[in-house]
Amino acid sequence: MKEITAEELANKLAANEDVNIIDVREDFEVEEGKIPQAKHIALGEVEARLSELDKDKHYYMVCRSGGRSGNACQFLTQKGFDVTNMVGGMIAWPGEVK
């Protein structure tokens, strides 16, 4: 599984790189703040919402600590998607949240 640190992903955003971020936390967690550019798809909804994702794009998966996003990465990789897990999750996120 491909991995990126929270700091590396924050640096990509700071450099205005075109990144696609999926936050797989639950609604109540996202209400506390998420990466502004992230799309919220709770882990339990990923399979049902596959049509919202494009296999020609790369996605960075985010959760609270990196475990659920890792599970999402494994699932999406099996479905043919190009994904990277943000290790440390939002606990390690150094950037802005909204």
N, C-alpha and C. Protein backbone atom coordinates (compact mmCIF):
# COMPACT_ATOMS: atom_id res chain seq x y z
N MET A 1 0.85 -1.18 0.00
CA MET A 1 0.00 0.00 0.00
C MET A 1 0.89 1.24 0.00
N LYS A 2 0.55 2.18 -0.87
CA LYS A 2 1.29 3.44 -0.92
C LYS A 2 0.88 4.30 0.28
N GLU A 3 1.86 5.02 0.82
CA GLU A 3 1.61 5.87 1.97
C GLU A 3 2.24 7.23 1.79
N ILE A 4 1.64 8.22 2.45
CA ILE A 4 2.17 9.58 2.48
C ILE A 4 1.97 10.09 3.90
N THR A 5 2.90 10.94 4.36
CA THR A 5 2.72 11.52 5.69
C THR A 5 1.76 12.71 5.58
N ALA A 6 1.19 13.09 6.71
CA ALA A 6 0.30 14.25 6.74
C ALA A 6 1.06 15.50 6.30
N GLU A 7 2.31 15.62 6.72
CA GLU A 7 3.12 16.79 6.35
C GLU A 7 3.37 16.82 4.84
N GLU A 8 3.67 15.67 4.24
CA GLU A 8 3.89 15.62 2.79
C GLU A 8 2.63 16.03 2.02
N LEU A 9 1.47 15.56 2.48
CA LEU A 9 0.23 15.93 1.81
C LEU A 9 -0.07 17.42 2.01
N ALA A 10 0.19 17.93 3.19
CA ALA A 10 0.00 19.36 3.45
C ALA A 10 0.90 20.19 2.53
N ASN A 11 2.11 19.71 2.30
CA ASN A 11 3.04 20.42 1.41
C ASN A 11 2.54 20.42 -0.03
N LYS A 12 1.93 19.33 -0.46
CA LYS A 12 1.35 19.28 -1.81
C LYS A 12 0.24 20.32 -1.95
N LEU A 13 -0.60 20.44 -0.94
CA LEU A 13 -1.67 21.43 -0.97
C LEU A 13 -1.10 22.85 -0.95
N ALA A 14 -0.07 23.06 -0.14
CA ALA A 14 0.55 24.38 -0.05
C ALA A 14 1.18 24.79 -1.38
N ALA A 15 1.63 23.79 -2.14
CA ALA A 15 2.24 24.04 -3.45
C ALA A 15 1.18 24.10 -4.56
N ASN A 16 -0.08 24.09 -4.16
CA ASN A 16 -1.21 24.14 -5.10
C ASN A 16 -1.22 22.98 -6.09
N GLU A 17 -0.71 21.82 -5.66
CA GLU A 17 -0.81 20.63 -6.51
C GLU A 17 -2.27 20.19 -6.56
N ASP A 18 -2.66 19.62 -7.68
CA ASP A 18 -4.02 19.13 -7.85
C ASP A 18 -4.12 17.75 -7.19
N VAL A 19 -4.69 17.71 -6.00
CA VAL A 19 -4.81 16.45 -5.27
C VAL A 19 -6.28 16.16 -4.97
N ASN A 20 -6.61 14.88 -4.93
CA ASN A 20 -7.96 14.42 -4.61
C ASN A 20 -7.90 13.70 -3.27
N ILE A 21 -8.58 14.26 -2.29
CA ILE A 21 -8.54 13.72 -0.94
C ILE A 21 -9.93 13.22 -0.57
N ILE A 22 -9.98 12.00 -0.05
CA ILE A 22 -11.23 11.41 0.43
C ILE A 22 -11.10 11.18 1.93
N ASP A 23 -12.00 11.77 2.70
CA ASP A 23 -12.03 11.61 4.16
C ASP A 23 -13.07 10.55 4.47
N VAL A 24 -12.63 9.42 5.05
CA VAL A 24 -13.54 8.29 5.29
C VAL A 24 -14.05 8.23 6.73
N ARG A 25 -13.86 9.30 7.49
CA ARG A 25 -14.37 9.32 8.86
C ARG A 25 -15.89 9.44 8.88
N GLU A 26 -16.44 9.22 10.06
CA GLU A 26 -17.89 9.34 10.24
C GLU A 26 -18.30 10.82 10.26
N ASP A 27 -19.59 11.07 10.05
CA ASP A 27 -20.11 12.43 9.99
C ASP A 27 -19.71 13.26 11.21
N PHE A 28 -19.88 12.69 12.41
CA PHE A 28 -19.60 13.46 13.63
C PHE A 28 -18.12 13.84 13.73
N GLU A 29 -17.24 13.01 13.17
CA GLU A 29 -15.81 13.33 13.19
C GLU A 29 -15.49 14.47 12.22
N VAL A 30 -16.11 14.42 11.05
CA VAL A 30 -15.88 15.43 10.03
C VAL A 30 -16.41 16.79 10.50
N GLU A 31 -17.48 16.79 11.28
CA GLU A 31 -18.04 18.03 11.80
C GLU A 31 -17.03 18.78 12.67
N GLU A 32 -16.08 18.05 13.26
CA GLU A 32 -15.05 18.67 14.09
C GLU A 32 -13.98 19.34 13.25
N GLY A 33 -13.98 19.10 11.94
CA GLY A 33 -13.02 19.72 11.04
C GLY A 33 -12.42 18.70 10.08
N LYS A 34 -12.30 19.12 8.83
CA LYS A 34 -11.68 18.27 7.82
C LYS A 34 -10.77 19.12 6.95
N ILE A 35 -9.93 18.47 6.18
CA ILE A 35 -9.08 19.18 5.24
C ILE A 35 -10.03 19.86 4.25
N PRO A 36 -9.90 21.17 4.05
CA PRO A 36 -10.87 21.90 3.22
C PRO A 36 -11.11 21.30 1.83
N GLN A 37 -10.09 20.76 1.20
CA GLN A 37 -10.23 20.21 -0.16
C GLN A 37 -10.78 18.79 -0.18
N ALA A 38 -10.96 18.18 0.98
CA ALA A 38 -11.36 16.77 1.04
C ALA A 38 -12.84 16.57 0.76
N LYS A 39 -13.12 15.46 0.09
CA LYS A 39 -14.50 15.01 -0.13
C LYS A 39 -14.80 13.99 0.97
N HIS A 40 -15.96 14.10 1.59
CA HIS A 40 -16.31 13.17 2.67
C HIS A 40 -17.13 12.01 2.12
N ILE A 41 -16.57 10.81 2.28
CA ILE A 41 -17.30 9.57 2.01
C ILE A 41 -16.97 8.63 3.16
N ALA A 42 -17.89 8.46 4.09
CA ALA A 42 -17.64 7.59 5.24
C ALA A 42 -17.26 6.19 4.77
N LEU A 43 -16.38 5.54 5.52
CA LEU A 43 -15.88 4.22 5.12
C LEU A 43 -17.01 3.26 4.77
N GLY A 44 -18.07 3.25 5.54
CA GLY A 44 -19.19 2.35 5.29
C GLY A 44 -19.96 2.65 4.01
N GLU A 45 -19.71 3.82 3.42
CA GLU A 45 -20.41 4.22 2.19
C GLU A 45 -19.54 4.09 0.93
N VAL A 46 -18.26 3.78 1.11
CA VAL A 46 -17.33 3.78 -0.04
C VAL A 46 -17.81 2.86 -1.16
N GLU A 47 -18.18 1.64 -0.83
CA GLU A 47 -18.59 0.70 -1.87
C GLU A 47 -19.82 1.21 -2.63
N ALA A 48 -20.79 1.74 -1.91
CA ALA A 48 -22.03 2.21 -2.54
C ALA A 48 -21.79 3.48 -3.38
N ARG A 49 -20.69 4.20 -3.10
CA ARG A 49 -20.44 5.47 -3.79
C ARG A 49 -19.26 5.39 -4.76
N LEU A 50 -18.90 4.19 -5.18
CA LEU A 50 -17.78 4.03 -6.12
C LEU A 50 -17.97 4.84 -7.40
N SER A 51 -19.22 5.02 -7.81
CA SER A 51 -19.49 5.75 -9.06
C SER A 51 -19.06 7.22 -8.97
N GLU A 52 -18.83 7.72 -7.76
CA GLU A 52 -18.38 9.11 -7.58
C GLU A 52 -16.87 9.25 -7.78
N LEU A 53 -16.17 8.12 -7.88
CA LEU A 53 -14.72 8.13 -8.03
C LEU A 53 -14.34 7.78 -9.46
N ASP A 54 -13.20 8.32 -9.89
CA ASP A 54 -12.71 8.14 -11.26
C ASP A 54 -11.43 7.32 -11.22
N LYS A 55 -11.42 6.19 -11.91
CA LYS A 55 -10.24 5.32 -11.90
C LYS A 55 -9.03 5.97 -12.57
N ASP A 56 -9.23 7.06 -13.29
CA ASP A 56 -8.12 7.77 -13.93
C ASP A 56 -7.50 8.81 -13.02
N LYS A 57 -8.02 8.95 -11.81
CA LYS A 57 -7.49 9.92 -10.86
C LYS A 57 -6.82 9.20 -9.69
N HIS A 58 -5.91 9.90 -9.04
CA HIS A 58 -5.26 9.38 -7.85
C HIS A 58 -5.94 9.99 -6.62
N TYR A 59 -6.16 9.18 -5.60
CA TYR A 59 -6.83 9.63 -4.38
C TYR A 59 -5.96 9.41 -3.15
N TYR A 60 -5.99 10.41 -2.27
CA TYR A 60 -5.35 10.29 -0.96
C TYR A 60 -6.46 10.03 0.05
N MET A 61 -6.33 8.96 0.80
CA MET A 61 -7.36 8.55 1.75
C MET A 61 -6.96 8.98 3.16
N VAL A 62 -7.94 9.55 3.89
CA VAL A 62 -7.69 10.12 5.21
C VAL A 62 -8.75 9.64 6.20
N CYS A 63 -8.32 9.36 7.44
CA CYS A 63 -9.26 9.11 8.54
C CYS A 63 -8.67 9.73 9.79
N ARG A 64 -9.08 9.30 10.95
CA ARG A 64 -8.60 9.91 12.19
C ARG A 64 -7.13 9.57 12.47
N SER A 65 -6.77 8.27 12.31
CA SER A 65 -5.40 7.86 12.65
C SER A 65 -4.68 7.08 11.55
N GLY A 66 -5.38 6.72 10.49
CA GLY A 66 -4.75 6.00 9.38
C GLY A 66 -5.22 4.57 9.19
N GLY A 67 -5.95 4.03 10.15
CA GLY A 67 -6.42 2.64 10.06
C GLY A 67 -7.56 2.44 9.08
N ARG A 68 -8.63 3.22 9.26
CA ARG A 68 -9.79 3.08 8.35
C ARG A 68 -9.43 3.49 6.93
N SER A 69 -8.61 4.52 6.80
CA SER A 69 -8.20 4.93 5.46
C SER A 69 -7.35 3.84 4.81
N GLY A 70 -6.59 3.12 5.63
CA GLY A 70 -5.82 1.98 5.11
C GLY A 70 -6.75 0.89 4.60
N ASN A 71 -7.82 0.63 5.34
CA ASN A 71 -8.82 -0.35 4.89
C ASN A 71 -9.47 0.10 3.59
N ALA A 72 -9.77 1.40 3.50
CA ALA A 72 -10.36 1.94 2.26
C ALA A 72 -9.39 1.79 1.10
N CYS A 73 -8.10 2.01 1.36
CA CYS A 73 -7.09 1.85 0.31
C CYS A 73 -7.04 0.41 -0.19
N GLN A 74 -7.07 -0.54 0.72
CA GLN A 74 -7.03 -1.94 0.32
C GLN A 74 -8.24 -2.28 -0.55
N PHE A 75 -9.41 -1.84 -0.14
CA PHE A 75 -10.64 -2.11 -0.89
C PHE A 75 -10.58 -1.46 -2.27
N LEU A 76 -10.22 -0.18 -2.31
CA LEU A 76 -10.21 0.55 -3.58
C LEU A 76 -9.13 0.03 -4.53
N THR A 77 -8.00 -0.39 -3.98
CA THR A 77 -6.95 -0.97 -4.82
C THR A 77 -7.47 -2.24 -5.49
N GLN A 78 -8.20 -3.06 -4.75
CA GLN A 78 -8.79 -4.28 -5.32
C GLN A 78 -9.78 -3.96 -6.43
N LYS A 79 -10.41 -2.79 -6.36
CA LYS A 79 -11.39 -2.37 -7.36
C LYS A 79 -10.73 -1.62 -8.52
N GLY A 80 -9.40 -1.51 -8.49
CA GLY A 80 -8.69 -0.91 -9.62
C GLY A 80 -8.40 0.58 -9.49
N PHE A 81 -8.54 1.14 -8.28
CA PHE A 81 -8.27 2.57 -8.09
C PHE A 81 -6.83 2.78 -7.64
N ASP A 82 -6.30 3.97 -7.93
CA ASP A 82 -4.95 4.38 -7.54
C ASP A 82 -5.08 5.23 -6.29
N VAL A 83 -4.67 4.69 -5.14
CA VAL A 83 -4.87 5.37 -3.87
C VAL A 83 -3.61 5.34 -3.01
N THR A 84 -3.53 6.32 -2.12
CA THR A 84 -2.44 6.41 -1.16
C THR A 84 -3.04 6.72 0.21
N ASN A 85 -2.54 6.03 1.23
CA ASN A 85 -3.03 6.24 2.59
C ASN A 85 -2.21 7.33 3.28
N MET A 86 -2.90 8.29 3.93
CA MET A 86 -2.21 9.29 4.73
C MET A 86 -1.99 8.70 6.12
N VAL A 87 -0.74 8.33 6.41
CA VAL A 87 -0.43 7.72 7.71
C VAL A 87 -0.54 8.77 8.81
N GLY A 88 -1.01 8.33 9.95
CA GLY A 88 -1.18 9.23 11.09
C GLY A 88 -2.52 9.94 11.11
N GLY A 89 -3.20 9.97 9.98
CA GLY A 89 -4.53 10.55 9.88
C GLY A 89 -4.60 11.99 10.34
N MET A 90 -5.82 12.40 10.67
CA MET A 90 -6.07 13.79 11.07
C MET A 90 -5.38 14.13 12.39
N ILE A 91 -5.04 13.13 13.18
CA ILE A 91 -4.30 13.38 14.42
C ILE A 91 -2.96 14.04 14.08
N ALA A 92 -2.36 13.64 12.95
CA ALA A 92 -1.06 14.16 12.54
C ALA A 92 -1.16 15.36 11.59
N TRP A 93 -2.37 15.75 11.21
CA TRP A 93 -2.55 16.80 10.19
C TRP A 93 -2.04 18.15 10.70
N PRO A 94 -1.06 18.76 10.01
CA PRO A 94 -0.52 20.04 10.46
C PRO A 94 -1.20 21.25 9.82
N GLY A 95 -2.04 21.02 8.84
CA GLY A 95 -2.61 22.10 8.05
C GLY A 95 -3.95 22.58 8.56
N GLU A 96 -4.56 23.40 7.72
CA GLU A 96 -5.85 24.01 8.01
C GLU A 96 -6.97 22.97 7.98
N VAL A 97 -7.98 23.21 8.79
CA VAL A 97 -9.20 22.40 8.75
C VAL A 97 -10.39 23.35 8.68
N LYS A 98 -11.51 22.83 8.15
CA LYS A 98 -12.72 23.67 8.12
C LYS A 98 -13.89 22.87 8.64
